[in-house]
Protein backbone atom coordinates (compact mmCIF):
# COMPACT_ATOMS: atom_id res chain seq x y z
CA MET A 1 -19.49 -14.83 16.43
CA SER A 2 -20.78 -12.83 19.33
CA ASN A 3 -23.53 -10.27 19.32
CA ARG A 4 -21.41 -7.49 20.87
CA CYS A 5 -18.95 -5.36 18.95
CA GLU A 6 -15.58 -5.36 20.67
CA LEU A 7 -14.73 -1.92 19.26
CA CYS A 8 -17.84 0.22 19.85
CA GLY A 9 -19.48 -1.95 22.53
CA ARG A 10 -22.92 -2.07 20.90
CA GLU A 11 -24.89 -5.20 21.71
CA HIS A 12 -27.32 -7.31 19.69
CA VAL A 13 -25.44 -6.58 16.46
CA GLU A 14 -24.26 -8.93 13.75
CA THR A 15 -20.49 -9.24 13.98
CA THR A 16 -17.70 -10.24 11.64
CA VAL A 17 -14.18 -11.38 12.43
CA HIS A 18 -11.52 -8.69 12.02
CA HIS A 19 -7.86 -9.72 11.95
CA LEU A 20 -6.15 -7.11 14.12
CA THR A 21 -2.97 -7.75 12.16
CA PRO A 22 -3.99 -8.07 8.50
CA LYS A 23 -3.71 -11.61 7.16
CA GLU A 24 -1.55 -10.44 4.25
CA MET A 25 0.85 -8.93 6.79
CA GLY A 26 1.26 -12.21 8.70
CA GLY A 27 -1.83 -12.03 10.90
CA THR A 28 -3.57 -15.23 9.82
CA PHE A 29 -3.04 -16.94 13.18
CA MET A 30 -2.81 -13.79 15.31
CA PRO A 31 -5.57 -12.24 17.48
CA THR A 32 -8.92 -11.30 15.98
CA ALA A 33 -11.84 -9.21 17.21
CA ASP A 34 -15.59 -9.54 16.67
CA LEU A 35 -16.70 -6.23 15.17
CA CYS A 36 -20.08 -4.97 14.04
CA ILE A 37 -20.34 -4.49 10.32
CA PRO A 38 -20.22 -0.66 10.48
CA CYS A 39 -17.03 -0.61 12.58
CA HIS A 40 -15.36 -3.22 10.37
CA LYS A 41 -16.28 -1.34 7.19
CA GLN A 42 -15.12 1.96 8.66
CA ILE A 43 -11.67 0.59 9.50
CA HIS A 44 -11.18 -0.66 5.95
CA SER A 45 -12.58 2.53 4.42
CA LEU A 46 -10.07 4.65 6.35
CA PHE A 47 -6.93 2.51 6.37
CA THR A 48 -5.01 0.23 4.05
CA ASN A 49 -3.49 -2.91 5.54
CA GLN A 50 -0.13 -1.15 5.35
CA ASP A 51 -1.59 1.83 7.27
CA ILE A 52 -2.84 -0.51 10.01
CA ILE A 53 0.71 -1.79 10.54
CA ARG A 54 2.48 1.58 10.07
CA LEU A 55 0.11 3.39 12.47
CA GLN A 56 0.21 0.47 14.95
CA LEU A 57 -3.56 -0.05 14.84
CA THR A 58 -3.32 -3.74 15.69
CA LYS A 59 -5.01 -3.37 19.08
CA LEU A 60 -8.61 -2.34 19.78
CA GLN A 61 -7.55 0.49 22.09
CA ALA A 62 -5.30 1.95 19.39
CA LEU A 63 -8.20 1.88 16.92
CA ARG A 64 -10.57 3.53 19.45
CA GLU A 65 -8.05 6.30 20.11
CA ASN A 66 -7.02 6.95 16.50
CA GLU A 67 -7.93 10.51 15.47
CA ARG A 68 -9.66 9.30 12.29
CA MET A 69 -11.54 6.40 13.89
CA ALA A 70 -12.52 7.87 17.29
CA PRO A 71 -15.28 10.22 16.01
CA PHE A 72 -16.95 7.31 14.21
CA VAL A 73 -16.78 5.07 17.29
CA ARG A 74 -18.30 7.83 19.44
CA TRP A 75 -21.11 8.29 16.92
CA ILE A 76 -21.89 4.61 16.22
CA ARG A 77 -22.08 3.81 19.95
CA LYS A 78 -25.24 5.94 20.11
CA GLN A 79 -26.93 4.26 17.15
CA PRO A 80 -29.44 1.39 17.35
CA PRO A 81 -28.15 -2.11 16.52
CA SER A 82 -29.92 -2.06 13.15
CA THR A 83 -27.94 0.96 11.92
CA ILE A 84 -25.59 0.17 9.06
CA PRO A 85 -24.40 3.50 7.67
CA ARG A 86 -23.13 3.94 4.17
CA THR A 87 -19.34 4.03 4.04
CA ARG A 88 -17.10 5.60 1.43
CA LYS A 89 -13.40 5.10 1.03
CA SER A 90 -11.45 8.02 2.41
CA ASN A 91 -9.67 10.30 -0.06
CA HIS A 92 -6.45 8.81 1.28
CA LEU A 93 -7.49 5.34 0.05
CA ARG A 94 -8.96 6.52 -3.23
CA ARG A 95 -5.58 8.03 -4.13
CA SER A 96 -3.73 4.80 -3.26
């Protein structure tokens, strides 16, 4: 694991491996990205695995440009590496 988030670009952060194509959707051996914990949590609080496929969010650029994800990425980029904000599932996911 690196110490730079491939989504927000923050450095000196703890990262986790994110499967760009969800494993349950056939992505086990497909590309992954090292993401900081806040970015990784935010993706999964906003989107189901089905949403990720349906909205074609299987590339970092698509995630950065998504209207629901972009404001978070802009905000987290400005935060210190130690910041791990609280995340809540979106209403969309709570209804699922």
